[in-house]
Amino acid sequence: MLSAVMSRNGLRPLSARRVVIAVPVFALALPALMLAGCAASVEDIASVPTETLLIAGEAGVGPINAATPASRAALEAALPGFTVEDVTMAGETSTATALAAFKDGLQVLQVIPAGSGAIGAVHVVTHHAAGPNGERIGMSFAEARQDASLCRPGIGNWRGMPICAARGAPAVTLVYSIPNYEATDHLPDPATMAGAALQRIVWTPGAAS
């Protein structure tokens, strides 16, 4: 089931350079070209056993921390059994070249380098990793027990999506998407927010400082 879902979402390794668009598949306001190339991060997890490969927390994602260089060699050394490939991804406000970490063909992380060669951010894109409070990709806003007071409306590619700080871990951001919701510059009402689905978990070094 998982391999079929990941193949359908464009997350199976390719020999050519990948393009991974970090936007919801139902984002009505985005151009058709962007939607055609997007790879949904929210997985169909109903019948898939959950193995926790990594946990994102205040200090990093698994063994990856602020001291880890943003290079293929360094990431593969820090993540035994993973392979790392170049990707191009669209974040909230820009498109960036990133490094994607795969485990047995499953894309787990997208690492965005900073200009200094350090890590700028790490995006968790599978439910086989967890956030600091047990949050997983595909959980609803309510299931993640998200505090709405820690959220803001997204802009750019993530316009209208709830962008929230994780409870007790300001360096970790939780990005939610809302099915069939027309993007606005404001957060939706509480009932709509409760059904938002967690799309990605983002750790940003030094975000809490």
N, C-alpha and C. Protein backbone atom coordinates (compact mmCIF):
# COMPACT_ATOMS: atom_id res chain seq x y z
N MET A 1 0.83 -1.21 0.00
CA MET A 1 0.00 0.00 0.00
C MET A 1 0.85 1.25 0.00
N LEU A 2 1.87 1.27 0.91
CA LEU A 2 2.71 2.48 1.02
C LEU A 2 3.46 2.75 -0.26
N SER A 3 4.04 1.70 -0.89
CA SER A 3 4.81 1.94 -2.12
C SER A 3 3.93 2.49 -3.21
N ALA A 4 2.66 1.99 -3.28
CA ALA A 4 1.76 2.51 -4.31
C ALA A 4 1.43 3.96 -4.06
N VAL A 5 1.19 4.30 -2.78
CA VAL A 5 0.87 5.69 -2.44
C VAL A 5 2.03 6.61 -2.74
N MET A 6 3.25 6.19 -2.35
CA MET A 6 4.40 7.05 -2.57
C MET A 6 4.68 7.21 -4.05
N SER A 7 4.47 6.14 -4.83
CA SER A 7 4.67 6.25 -6.27
C SER A 7 3.68 7.23 -6.86
N ARG A 8 2.41 7.14 -6.39
CA ARG A 8 1.39 8.04 -6.90
C ARG A 8 1.70 9.48 -6.55
N ASN A 9 2.34 9.71 -5.41
CA ASN A 9 2.66 11.07 -4.98
C ASN A 9 4.00 11.56 -5.48
N GLY A 10 4.69 10.77 -6.27
CA GLY A 10 5.94 11.23 -6.88
C GLY A 10 7.13 11.19 -5.96
N LEU A 11 7.10 10.34 -4.93
CA LEU A 11 8.19 10.34 -3.96
C LEU A 11 9.14 9.17 -4.14
N ARG A 12 8.98 8.36 -5.19
CA ARG A 12 9.91 7.26 -5.45
C ARG A 12 11.17 7.83 -6.09
N PRO A 13 12.37 7.34 -5.72
CA PRO A 13 13.62 7.88 -6.27
C PRO A 13 13.64 7.82 -7.79
N LEU A 14 14.21 8.86 -8.38
CA LEU A 14 14.37 8.94 -9.82
C LEU A 14 15.83 9.18 -10.14
N SER A 15 16.25 8.80 -11.32
CA SER A 15 17.63 9.04 -11.71
C SER A 15 17.86 10.49 -12.04
N ALA A 16 16.84 11.18 -12.52
CA ALA A 16 16.97 12.59 -12.88
C ALA A 16 16.70 13.47 -11.66
N ARG A 17 17.01 14.73 -11.79
CA ARG A 17 16.78 15.69 -10.72
C ARG A 17 15.30 15.80 -10.44
N ARG A 18 14.92 15.83 -9.18
CA ARG A 18 13.52 15.85 -8.80
C ARG A 18 13.00 17.27 -8.65
N VAL A 19 11.70 17.39 -8.75
CA VAL A 19 11.04 18.65 -8.41
C VAL A 19 9.95 18.30 -7.42
N VAL A 20 10.06 18.81 -6.18
CA VAL A 20 9.09 18.54 -5.14
C VAL A 20 8.49 19.85 -4.72
N ILE A 21 7.18 20.02 -4.91
CA ILE A 21 6.51 21.27 -4.59
C ILE A 21 5.84 21.13 -3.24
N ALA A 22 6.21 21.98 -2.30
CA ALA A 22 5.72 21.87 -0.93
C ALA A 22 4.43 22.65 -0.77
N VAL A 23 3.40 22.26 -1.50
CA VAL A 23 2.10 22.91 -1.41
C VAL A 23 1.03 21.84 -1.42
N PRO A 24 -0.17 22.11 -0.87
CA PRO A 24 -1.23 21.12 -0.86
C PRO A 24 -1.78 20.89 -2.26
N VAL A 25 -2.21 19.66 -2.54
CA VAL A 25 -2.71 19.36 -3.87
C VAL A 25 -4.03 20.04 -4.15
N PHE A 26 -4.71 20.50 -3.09
CA PHE A 26 -6.01 21.13 -3.28
C PHE A 26 -5.92 22.65 -3.21
N ALA A 27 -4.75 23.22 -3.30
CA ALA A 27 -4.60 24.68 -3.20
C ALA A 27 -5.16 25.32 -4.46
N LEU A 28 -6.35 25.89 -4.36
CA LEU A 28 -7.06 26.37 -5.53
C LEU A 28 -6.41 27.59 -6.15
N ALA A 29 -5.68 28.35 -5.36
CA ALA A 29 -5.17 29.61 -5.86
C ALA A 29 -3.88 29.47 -6.64
N LEU A 30 -3.24 28.30 -6.62
CA LEU A 30 -1.96 28.17 -7.28
C LEU A 30 -2.13 27.91 -8.76
N PRO A 31 -1.16 28.32 -9.56
CA PRO A 31 -1.23 28.09 -11.00
C PRO A 31 -1.30 26.61 -11.32
N ALA A 32 -1.92 26.30 -12.46
CA ALA A 32 -2.09 24.90 -12.85
C ALA A 32 -0.76 24.20 -13.03
N LEU A 33 0.25 24.92 -13.49
CA LEU A 33 1.56 24.30 -13.69
C LEU A 33 2.14 23.82 -12.38
N MET A 34 1.97 24.62 -11.32
CA MET A 34 2.50 24.24 -10.02
C MET A 34 1.77 23.02 -9.49
N LEU A 35 0.43 23.01 -9.67
CA LEU A 35 -0.35 21.89 -9.18
C LEU A 35 0.02 20.61 -9.92
N ALA A 36 0.30 20.72 -11.20
CA ALA A 36 0.63 19.53 -11.98
C ALA A 36 1.91 18.89 -11.50
N GLY A 37 2.83 19.67 -10.96
CA GLY A 37 4.11 19.13 -10.55
C GLY A 37 4.23 18.85 -9.08
N CYS A 38 3.15 19.07 -8.30
CA CYS A 38 3.29 18.97 -6.86
C CYS A 38 3.24 17.52 -6.41
N ALA A 39 3.90 17.28 -5.27
CA ALA A 39 3.88 15.95 -4.67
C ALA A 39 3.29 16.09 -3.29
N ALA A 40 2.13 15.50 -3.06
CA ALA A 40 1.45 15.67 -1.78
C ALA A 40 2.27 15.04 -0.68
N SER A 41 2.40 15.78 0.42
CA SER A 41 3.15 15.27 1.55
C SER A 41 2.27 14.47 2.50
N VAL A 42 0.95 14.73 2.48
CA VAL A 42 0.05 14.02 3.37
C VAL A 42 -0.20 12.63 2.79
N GLU A 43 0.19 11.61 3.54
CA GLU A 43 0.11 10.25 3.04
C GLU A 43 -1.18 9.57 3.47
N ASP A 44 -1.59 8.55 2.73
CA ASP A 44 -2.70 7.70 3.10
C ASP A 44 -2.16 6.69 4.11
N ILE A 45 -2.47 6.91 5.39
CA ILE A 45 -1.84 6.09 6.43
C ILE A 45 -2.81 5.13 7.09
N ALA A 46 -4.02 5.00 6.55
CA ALA A 46 -5.06 4.24 7.21
C ALA A 46 -4.66 2.80 7.49
N SER A 47 -3.97 2.14 6.56
CA SER A 47 -3.67 0.72 6.72
C SER A 47 -2.17 0.43 6.72
N VAL A 48 -1.37 1.45 7.01
CA VAL A 48 0.08 1.29 6.96
C VAL A 48 0.67 1.29 8.37
N PRO A 49 1.40 0.26 8.77
CA PRO A 49 2.05 0.28 10.08
C PRO A 49 3.00 1.47 10.18
N THR A 50 3.07 2.06 11.36
CA THR A 50 3.90 3.24 11.53
C THR A 50 5.21 2.88 12.21
N GLU A 51 6.30 3.04 11.49
CA GLU A 51 7.65 2.88 12.03
C GLU A 51 8.23 4.27 12.20
N THR A 52 8.73 4.56 13.39
CA THR A 52 9.29 5.89 13.64
C THR A 52 10.78 5.87 13.32
N LEU A 53 11.14 6.51 12.22
CA LEU A 53 12.54 6.55 11.80
C LEU A 53 13.30 7.66 12.51
N LEU A 54 12.66 8.81 12.70
CA LEU A 54 13.32 9.97 13.29
C LEU A 54 12.30 10.78 14.08
N ILE A 55 12.79 11.56 15.04
CA ILE A 55 11.94 12.47 15.80
C ILE A 55 12.52 13.88 15.69
N ALA A 56 11.66 14.82 15.33
CA ALA A 56 12.07 16.23 15.25
C ALA A 56 11.81 16.90 16.59
N GLY A 57 12.82 17.58 17.11
CA GLY A 57 12.68 18.27 18.38
C GLY A 57 13.38 19.61 18.35
N GLU A 58 13.50 20.23 19.49
CA GLU A 58 14.08 21.56 19.57
C GLU A 58 15.53 21.58 19.10
N ALA A 59 16.28 20.49 19.34
CA ALA A 59 17.71 20.48 19.01
C ALA A 59 18.01 19.96 17.62
N GLY A 60 17.04 19.35 16.95
CA GLY A 60 17.31 18.82 15.62
C GLY A 60 16.33 17.75 15.22
N VAL A 61 16.68 17.01 14.17
CA VAL A 61 15.85 15.91 13.67
C VAL A 61 16.68 14.64 13.74
N GLY A 62 16.35 13.75 14.68
CA GLY A 62 17.18 12.58 14.89
C GLY A 62 18.60 13.01 15.19
N PRO A 63 19.60 12.43 14.51
CA PRO A 63 21.00 12.80 14.76
C PRO A 63 21.42 14.09 14.07
N ILE A 64 20.56 14.68 13.26
CA ILE A 64 20.89 15.92 12.57
C ILE A 64 20.68 17.10 13.50
N ASN A 65 21.70 17.93 13.65
CA ASN A 65 21.59 19.11 14.51
C ASN A 65 22.26 20.30 13.83
N ALA A 66 22.38 21.40 14.56
CA ALA A 66 22.92 22.63 13.98
C ALA A 66 24.37 22.49 13.55
N ALA A 67 25.08 21.51 14.08
CA ALA A 67 26.48 21.32 13.71
C ALA A 67 26.66 20.43 12.48
N THR A 68 25.58 19.83 11.99
CA THR A 68 25.66 18.95 10.83
C THR A 68 25.78 19.76 9.55
N PRO A 69 26.82 19.56 8.75
CA PRO A 69 26.92 20.29 7.48
C PRO A 69 25.80 19.89 6.52
N ALA A 70 25.40 20.83 5.70
CA ALA A 70 24.35 20.57 4.70
C ALA A 70 25.00 20.03 3.43
N SER A 71 25.49 18.81 3.51
CA SER A 71 26.11 18.17 2.35
C SER A 71 25.62 16.73 2.27
N ARG A 72 25.68 16.16 1.08
CA ARG A 72 25.24 14.78 0.90
C ARG A 72 26.07 13.84 1.76
N ALA A 73 27.37 14.03 1.78
CA ALA A 73 28.24 13.13 2.55
C ALA A 73 27.94 13.20 4.04
N ALA A 74 27.76 14.42 4.56
CA ALA A 74 27.51 14.58 5.99
C ALA A 74 26.17 14.00 6.39
N LEU A 75 25.16 14.18 5.56
CA LEU A 75 23.83 13.66 5.88
C LEU A 75 23.81 12.14 5.81
N GLU A 76 24.46 11.56 4.83
CA GLU A 76 24.50 10.10 4.74
C GLU A 76 25.30 9.50 5.89
N ALA A 77 26.32 10.22 6.36
CA ALA A 77 27.09 9.75 7.52
C ALA A 77 26.25 9.82 8.79
N ALA A 78 25.42 10.86 8.90
CA ALA A 78 24.58 11.03 10.09
C ALA A 78 23.38 10.09 10.08
N LEU A 79 22.97 9.65 8.88
CA LEU A 79 21.77 8.82 8.73
C LEU A 79 22.14 7.49 8.06
N PRO A 80 22.72 6.55 8.77
CA PRO A 80 23.09 5.27 8.16
C PRO A 80 21.88 4.58 7.54
N GLY A 81 22.07 4.06 6.34
CA GLY A 81 20.97 3.39 5.65
C GLY A 81 20.13 4.30 4.79
N PHE A 82 20.39 5.61 4.86
CA PHE A 82 19.68 6.57 4.03
C PHE A 82 20.52 6.91 2.80
N THR A 83 19.85 7.29 1.73
CA THR A 83 20.53 7.86 0.57
C THR A 83 20.04 9.29 0.39
N VAL A 84 20.90 10.14 -0.15
CA VAL A 84 20.58 11.56 -0.27
C VAL A 84 20.71 11.98 -1.73
N GLU A 85 19.72 12.71 -2.21
CA GLU A 85 19.69 13.18 -3.60
C GLU A 85 19.34 14.66 -3.64
N ASP A 86 19.77 15.33 -4.70
CA ASP A 86 19.39 16.73 -4.92
C ASP A 86 17.93 16.81 -5.35
N VAL A 87 17.21 17.82 -4.85
CA VAL A 87 15.85 18.09 -5.28
C VAL A 87 15.68 19.60 -5.42
N THR A 88 14.64 20.00 -6.11
CA THR A 88 14.23 21.39 -6.11
C THR A 88 12.85 21.44 -5.47
N MET A 89 12.67 22.29 -4.47
CA MET A 89 11.40 22.35 -3.77
C MET A 89 10.94 23.79 -3.60
N ALA A 90 9.63 23.96 -3.54
CA ALA A 90 9.06 25.28 -3.30
C ALA A 90 8.58 25.33 -1.87
N GLY A 91 9.14 26.24 -1.08
CA GLY A 91 8.70 26.45 0.28
C GLY A 91 7.64 27.52 0.35
N GLU A 92 7.54 28.18 1.49
CA GLU A 92 6.48 29.17 1.68
C GLU A 92 6.65 30.37 0.75
N THR A 93 7.86 30.88 0.65
CA THR A 93 8.05 32.13 -0.10
C THR A 93 9.03 32.02 -1.25
N SER A 94 9.67 30.88 -1.42
CA SER A 94 10.68 30.78 -2.47
C SER A 94 10.89 29.34 -2.89
N THR A 95 11.59 29.18 -4.01
CA THR A 95 12.00 27.87 -4.48
C THR A 95 13.48 27.68 -4.15
N ALA A 96 13.84 26.51 -3.65
CA ALA A 96 15.21 26.29 -3.20
C ALA A 96 15.72 24.94 -3.67
N THR A 97 17.04 24.86 -3.82
CA THR A 97 17.70 23.58 -4.03
C THR A 97 17.89 22.93 -2.67
N ALA A 98 17.50 21.69 -2.55
CA ALA A 98 17.56 21.01 -1.27
C ALA A 98 18.14 19.61 -1.45
N LEU A 99 18.38 18.95 -0.32
CA LEU A 99 18.86 17.58 -0.30
C LEU A 99 17.76 16.72 0.32
N ALA A 100 17.31 15.72 -0.40
CA ALA A 100 16.27 14.83 0.09
C ALA A 100 16.89 13.54 0.60
N ALA A 101 16.49 13.12 1.80
CA ALA A 101 16.99 11.89 2.40
C ALA A 101 15.93 10.80 2.26
N PHE A 102 16.34 9.66 1.70
CA PHE A 102 15.43 8.54 1.45
C PHE A 102 15.86 7.33 2.27
N LYS A 103 14.86 6.60 2.76
CA LYS A 103 15.09 5.33 3.45
C LYS A 103 14.32 4.25 2.72
N ASP A 104 15.02 3.32 2.09
CA ASP A 104 14.38 2.25 1.33
C ASP A 104 13.39 2.79 0.31
N GLY A 105 13.76 3.87 -0.36
CA GLY A 105 12.91 4.45 -1.39
C GLY A 105 11.87 5.42 -0.90
N LEU A 106 11.73 5.57 0.41
CA LEU A 106 10.74 6.49 0.99
C LEU A 106 11.41 7.81 1.32
N GLN A 107 10.87 8.90 0.78
CA GLN A 107 11.42 10.21 1.11
C GLN A 107 11.02 10.58 2.53
N VAL A 108 12.00 10.86 3.37
CA VAL A 108 11.76 11.15 4.78
C VAL A 108 11.98 12.62 5.09
N LEU A 109 13.07 13.18 4.57
CA LEU A 109 13.45 14.56 4.89
C LEU A 109 13.81 15.33 3.63
N GLN A 110 13.63 16.65 3.72
CA GLN A 110 14.18 17.59 2.74
C GLN A 110 15.01 18.59 3.53
N VAL A 111 16.29 18.69 3.22
CA VAL A 111 17.21 19.55 3.96
C VAL A 111 17.58 20.74 3.08
N ILE A 112 17.31 21.94 3.57
CA ILE A 112 17.62 23.17 2.83
C ILE A 112 18.92 23.75 3.37
N PRO A 113 19.95 23.87 2.54
CA PRO A 113 21.21 24.45 3.01
C PRO A 113 21.09 25.96 3.22
N ALA A 114 21.85 26.47 4.18
CA ALA A 114 22.01 27.91 4.35
C ALA A 114 23.20 28.35 3.50
N GLY A 115 23.36 29.65 3.31
CA GLY A 115 24.44 30.14 2.47
C GLY A 115 25.82 29.78 2.97
N SER A 116 25.96 29.54 4.26
CA SER A 116 27.26 29.22 4.86
C SER A 116 27.64 27.76 4.72
N GLY A 117 26.76 26.95 4.16
CA GLY A 117 27.01 25.52 4.09
C GLY A 117 26.43 24.77 5.26
N ALA A 118 25.88 25.51 6.22
CA ALA A 118 25.19 24.89 7.34
C ALA A 118 23.76 24.56 6.92
N ILE A 119 23.02 23.94 7.81
CA ILE A 119 21.62 23.61 7.53
C ILE A 119 20.75 24.82 7.81
N GLY A 120 19.91 25.17 6.84
CA GLY A 120 18.97 26.27 7.03
C GLY A 120 17.65 25.80 7.61
N ALA A 121 17.19 24.62 7.20
CA ALA A 121 15.95 24.03 7.71
C ALA A 121 15.89 22.58 7.28
N VAL A 122 15.16 21.78 8.06
CA VAL A 122 14.91 20.38 7.72
C VAL A 122 13.40 20.17 7.71
N HIS A 123 12.87 19.67 6.59
CA HIS A 123 11.44 19.40 6.46
C HIS A 123 11.20 17.90 6.58
N VAL A 124 10.38 17.49 7.51
CA VAL A 124 9.94 16.10 7.63
C VAL A 124 8.71 15.94 6.75
N VAL A 125 8.72 14.95 5.85
CA VAL A 125 7.63 14.81 4.88
C VAL A 125 6.99 13.43 4.86
N THR A 126 7.16 12.66 5.92
CA THR A 126 6.52 11.34 6.00
C THR A 126 6.02 11.11 7.41
N HIS A 127 4.97 10.29 7.53
CA HIS A 127 4.44 9.95 8.85
C HIS A 127 5.34 8.96 9.58
N HIS A 128 6.40 8.48 8.92
CA HIS A 128 7.35 7.59 9.58
C HIS A 128 8.38 8.36 10.41
N ALA A 129 8.13 9.64 10.62
CA ALA A 129 8.90 10.45 11.57
C ALA A 129 7.88 11.21 12.40
N ALA A 130 8.30 11.72 13.55
CA ALA A 130 7.36 12.37 14.46
C ALA A 130 7.88 13.72 14.92
N GLY A 131 6.95 14.55 15.37
CA GLY A 131 7.30 15.84 15.95
C GLY A 131 7.59 15.71 17.43
N PRO A 132 7.87 16.81 18.11
CA PRO A 132 8.28 16.77 19.52
C PRO A 132 7.19 16.29 20.47
N ASN A 133 5.93 16.37 20.05
CA ASN A 133 4.83 15.93 20.90
C ASN A 133 4.10 14.73 20.29
N GLY A 134 4.79 14.01 19.42
CA GLY A 134 4.19 12.85 18.77
C GLY A 134 3.40 13.17 17.52
N GLU A 135 3.48 14.41 17.05
CA GLU A 135 2.76 14.79 15.84
C GLU A 135 3.29 13.99 14.64
N ARG A 136 2.39 13.60 13.75
CA ARG A 136 2.79 12.89 12.54
C ARG A 136 2.05 13.46 11.33
N ILE A 137 2.71 13.39 10.18
CA ILE A 137 2.09 13.81 8.93
C ILE A 137 0.77 13.07 8.76
N GLY A 138 -0.29 13.80 8.40
CA GLY A 138 -1.61 13.21 8.22
C GLY A 138 -2.52 13.38 9.41
N MET A 139 -1.97 13.71 10.60
CA MET A 139 -2.81 13.98 11.76
C MET A 139 -3.63 15.24 11.54
N SER A 140 -4.83 15.26 12.12
CA SER A 140 -5.62 16.48 12.07
C SER A 140 -5.11 17.47 13.12
N PHE A 141 -5.51 18.72 12.96
CA PHE A 141 -5.16 19.77 13.91
C PHE A 141 -5.60 19.37 15.32
N ALA A 142 -6.79 18.79 15.41
CA ALA A 142 -7.31 18.37 16.71
C ALA A 142 -6.52 17.19 17.27
N GLU A 143 -6.20 16.21 16.42
CA GLU A 143 -5.44 15.05 16.88
C GLU A 143 -4.06 15.43 17.38
N ALA A 144 -3.47 16.44 16.76
CA ALA A 144 -2.14 16.91 17.17
C ALA A 144 -2.20 17.79 18.42
N ARG A 145 -3.43 18.07 18.88
CA ARG A 145 -3.64 18.94 20.06
C ARG A 145 -2.89 20.26 19.88
N GLN A 146 -3.03 20.81 18.68
CA GLN A 146 -2.34 22.04 18.34
C GLN A 146 -2.97 23.23 19.05
N ASP A 147 -2.15 24.11 19.59
CA ASP A 147 -2.60 25.35 20.22
C ASP A 147 -2.75 26.40 19.12
N ALA A 148 -3.99 26.81 18.85
CA ALA A 148 -4.24 27.76 17.76
C ALA A 148 -3.59 29.11 18.00
N SER A 149 -3.32 29.43 19.26
CA SER A 149 -2.68 30.73 19.54
C SER A 149 -1.24 30.77 19.06
N LEU A 150 -0.68 29.61 18.72
CA LEU A 150 0.70 29.53 18.21
C LEU A 150 0.74 29.52 16.69
N CYS A 151 -0.38 29.82 16.04
CA CYS A 151 -0.48 29.71 14.59
C CYS A 151 -0.62 31.07 13.91
N ARG A 152 -0.21 31.12 12.67
CA ARG A 152 -0.38 32.28 11.80
C ARG A 152 -0.80 31.79 10.43
N PRO A 153 -1.42 32.64 9.62
CA PRO A 153 -1.75 32.22 8.26
C PRO A 153 -0.52 32.24 7.37
N GLY A 154 -0.36 31.23 6.55
CA GLY A 154 0.78 31.19 5.64
C GLY A 154 0.65 32.21 4.53
N ILE A 155 1.77 32.46 3.86
CA ILE A 155 1.79 33.40 2.74
C ILE A 155 2.40 32.70 1.53
N GLY A 156 2.41 33.37 0.40
CA GLY A 156 3.04 32.82 -0.79
C GLY A 156 2.45 31.48 -1.18
N ASN A 157 3.30 30.49 -1.38
CA ASN A 157 2.85 29.15 -1.77
C ASN A 157 1.99 28.49 -0.70
N TRP A 158 2.13 28.94 0.54
CA TRP A 158 1.37 28.36 1.64
C TRP A 158 0.27 29.31 2.12
N ARG A 159 -0.19 30.18 1.25
CA ARG A 159 -1.19 31.18 1.64
C ARG A 159 -2.43 30.52 2.23
N GLY A 160 -2.84 31.00 3.39
CA GLY A 160 -4.04 30.51 4.04
C GLY A 160 -3.85 29.25 4.86
N MET A 161 -2.70 28.60 4.77
CA MET A 161 -2.45 27.39 5.53
C MET A 161 -2.03 27.76 6.96
N PRO A 162 -2.53 27.07 7.97
CA PRO A 162 -2.08 27.34 9.34
C PRO A 162 -0.62 26.92 9.52
N ILE A 163 0.22 27.86 9.89
CA ILE A 163 1.64 27.61 10.17
C ILE A 163 1.82 27.81 11.66
N CYS A 164 2.16 26.75 12.37
CA CYS A 164 2.09 26.77 13.83
C CYS A 164 3.40 26.33 14.48
N ALA A 165 3.72 26.94 15.61
CA ALA A 165 4.85 26.48 16.41
C ALA A 165 4.41 25.25 17.19
N ALA A 166 5.30 24.28 17.31
CA ALA A 166 5.00 23.09 18.10
C ALA A 166 5.01 23.45 19.58
N ARG A 167 4.16 22.79 20.34
CA ARG A 167 4.09 23.04 21.78
C ARG A 167 5.42 22.70 22.44
N GLY A 168 6.01 23.66 23.13
CA GLY A 168 7.24 23.43 23.86
C GLY A 168 8.49 23.35 23.02
N ALA A 169 8.38 23.59 21.72
CA ALA A 169 9.54 23.49 20.83
C ALA A 169 9.45 24.57 19.76
N PRO A 170 9.80 25.81 20.08
CA PRO A 170 9.66 26.92 19.12
C PRO A 170 10.47 26.75 17.85
N ALA A 171 11.51 25.91 17.86
CA ALA A 171 12.30 25.71 16.65
C ALA A 171 11.62 24.78 15.66
N VAL A 172 10.51 24.17 16.06
CA VAL A 172 9.78 23.24 15.20
C VAL A 172 8.47 23.88 14.76
N THR A 173 8.26 23.93 13.45
CA THR A 173 7.05 24.50 12.87
C THR A 173 6.22 23.39 12.25
N LEU A 174 4.91 23.45 12.47
CA LEU A 174 3.99 22.48 11.91
C LEU A 174 3.15 23.16 10.84
N VAL A 175 3.17 22.61 9.65
CA VAL A 175 2.47 23.21 8.51
C VAL A 175 1.24 22.36 8.20
N TYR A 176 0.06 22.97 8.32
CA TYR A 176 -1.21 22.28 8.10
C TYR A 176 -1.84 22.71 6.79
N SER A 177 -2.61 21.81 6.20
CA SER A 177 -3.37 22.14 4.99
C SER A 177 -4.84 21.82 5.25
N ILE A 178 -5.71 22.55 4.57
CA ILE A 178 -7.15 22.41 4.79
C ILE A 178 -7.83 22.02 3.48
N PRO A 179 -8.37 20.81 3.39
CA PRO A 179 -9.02 20.37 2.15
C PRO A 179 -10.18 21.29 1.76
N ASN A 180 -10.22 21.63 0.48
CA ASN A 180 -11.33 22.40 -0.09
C ASN A 180 -11.54 23.76 0.57
N TYR A 181 -10.45 24.32 1.10
CA TYR A 181 -10.55 25.63 1.75
C TYR A 181 -9.98 26.69 0.83
N GLU A 182 -10.75 27.73 0.58
CA GLU A 182 -10.28 28.83 -0.27
C GLU A 182 -9.33 29.70 0.53
N ALA A 183 -8.10 29.80 0.06
CA ALA A 183 -7.05 30.49 0.81
C ALA A 183 -7.40 31.96 1.03
N THR A 184 -7.13 32.43 2.24
CA THR A 184 -7.31 33.84 2.58
C THR A 184 -6.08 34.29 3.35
N ASP A 185 -6.09 35.55 3.76
CA ASP A 185 -4.98 36.08 4.55
C ASP A 185 -5.22 35.93 6.04
N HIS A 186 -6.24 35.19 6.41
CA HIS A 186 -6.58 35.01 7.82
C HIS A 186 -6.74 33.53 8.12
N LEU A 187 -6.55 33.17 9.38
CA LEU A 187 -6.80 31.79 9.79
C LEU A 187 -8.30 31.53 9.76
N PRO A 188 -8.71 30.31 9.44
CA PRO A 188 -10.15 30.00 9.41
C PRO A 188 -10.74 29.88 10.81
N ASP A 189 -12.03 29.64 10.86
CA ASP A 189 -12.72 29.49 12.14
C ASP A 189 -12.25 28.20 12.82
N PRO A 190 -12.45 28.09 14.15
CA PRO A 190 -11.96 26.93 14.90
C PRO A 190 -12.44 25.59 14.36
N ALA A 191 -13.69 25.51 13.92
CA ALA A 191 -14.21 24.24 13.42
C ALA A 191 -13.46 23.80 12.16
N THR A 192 -13.17 24.75 11.28
CA THR A 192 -12.42 24.43 10.07
C THR A 192 -10.98 24.07 10.41
N MET A 193 -10.39 24.81 11.33
CA MET A 193 -9.01 24.53 11.75
C MET A 193 -8.88 23.13 12.32
N ALA A 194 -9.89 22.67 13.05
CA ALA A 194 -9.81 21.37 13.70
C ALA A 194 -9.61 20.24 12.70
N GLY A 195 -10.11 20.43 11.48
CA GLY A 195 -9.98 19.39 10.46
C GLY A 195 -8.77 19.54 9.57
N ALA A 196 -7.94 20.56 9.81
CA ALA A 196 -6.73 20.74 9.00
C ALA A 196 -5.80 19.54 9.18
N ALA A 197 -5.10 19.15 8.13
CA ALA A 197 -4.20 17.99 8.17
C ALA A 197 -2.75 18.43 8.20
N LEU A 198 -1.96 17.81 9.06
CA LEU A 198 -0.54 18.14 9.15
C LEU A 198 0.16 17.68 7.88
N GLN A 199 0.79 18.61 7.19
CA GLN A 199 1.43 18.31 5.91
C GLN A 199 2.94 18.14 6.03
N ARG A 200 3.58 18.94 6.87
CA ARG A 200 5.02 18.80 7.06
C ARG A 200 5.43 19.38 8.40
N ILE A 201 6.56 18.88 8.89
CA ILE A 201 7.16 19.32 10.15
C ILE A 201 8.50 19.92 9.80
N VAL A 202 8.74 21.16 10.22
CA VAL A 202 9.94 21.88 9.82
C VAL A 202 10.76 22.26 11.05
N TRP A 203 12.01 21.81 11.07
CA TRP A 203 12.93 22.24 12.13
C TRP A 203 13.87 23.29 11.56
N THR A 204 13.98 24.43 12.26
CA THR A 204 14.85 25.52 11.83
C THR A 204 15.88 25.79 12.91
N PRO A 205 17.17 25.55 12.66
CA PRO A 205 18.20 25.80 13.68
C PRO A 205 18.17 27.25 14.14
N GLY A 206 18.22 27.43 15.45
CA GLY A 206 18.29 28.78 16.00
C GLY A 206 17.00 29.55 15.96
N ALA A 207 15.89 28.92 15.56
CA ALA A 207 14.63 29.65 15.45
C ALA A 207 14.11 30.11 16.79
N ALA A 208 14.49 29.41 17.85
CA ALA A 208 13.99 29.77 19.17
C ALA A 208 14.84 30.84 19.84
N SER A 209 16.01 31.15 19.28
CA SER A 209 16.91 32.11 19.93
C SER A 209 16.57 33.53 19.56
